[in-house]
């Protein structure tokens, strides 16, 4: 939470020395600017992601797989003990789960349509791209998962000759996400931390 006292530029610079991506810290910074440094506000932000997972997941599952599958998804997302625990932690887990789940649901829709059930709409590509990017900036495990999902979508799209142009763009996105795995080894993190930065790192 110490990182949230900095602006976005400070979060970007100091967050590059942390193991977690910086997206969650930027969200916390927005909450801090609006509501102040209140623990309840931070916890409610995590709960908001869990609620969004139930509502958005139900809507997508109902459209693609029917009401029964949608109700099962919503029940698991709402009452599964791990999700209930994450919903009130001041951590990035609930937001990472939301991003990865929505990325996966959009990916399923795209793959099914790409294999012959109909054209993929632009807003579906946009949703898939945005949630992929969000997942990559929320948790390092989410980076791995969305990279695998993007690679699967890319493979499915490449199988169709009419989508080769889209496949090139998709390949560029996958390569861009893979850059998140790069760990610079030519710079000593201690040399890059200011005194204020060291304090933040110790509190993390």
Foldseek 3Di string as FASTA:
>chain_A
DLLLVDAPVSLVLLVLVPQAFRLLSNVVNVQCVVPNPDLQSLLQVLLVLLVCLLVVQLVLCCVPPNNVVSVVSSCCSVPPVVNVVRSRDSALVSVLCSLLVQLLSLLVVLLVVLVPPHDDDPVSVVSNLVSLVSNLRRGVVSLVSSLVSLVVSLVSQVVDPVSVVVSVVSVVSSVVSVCSPDDDDPDDVVVSADPSSVVVVVVD
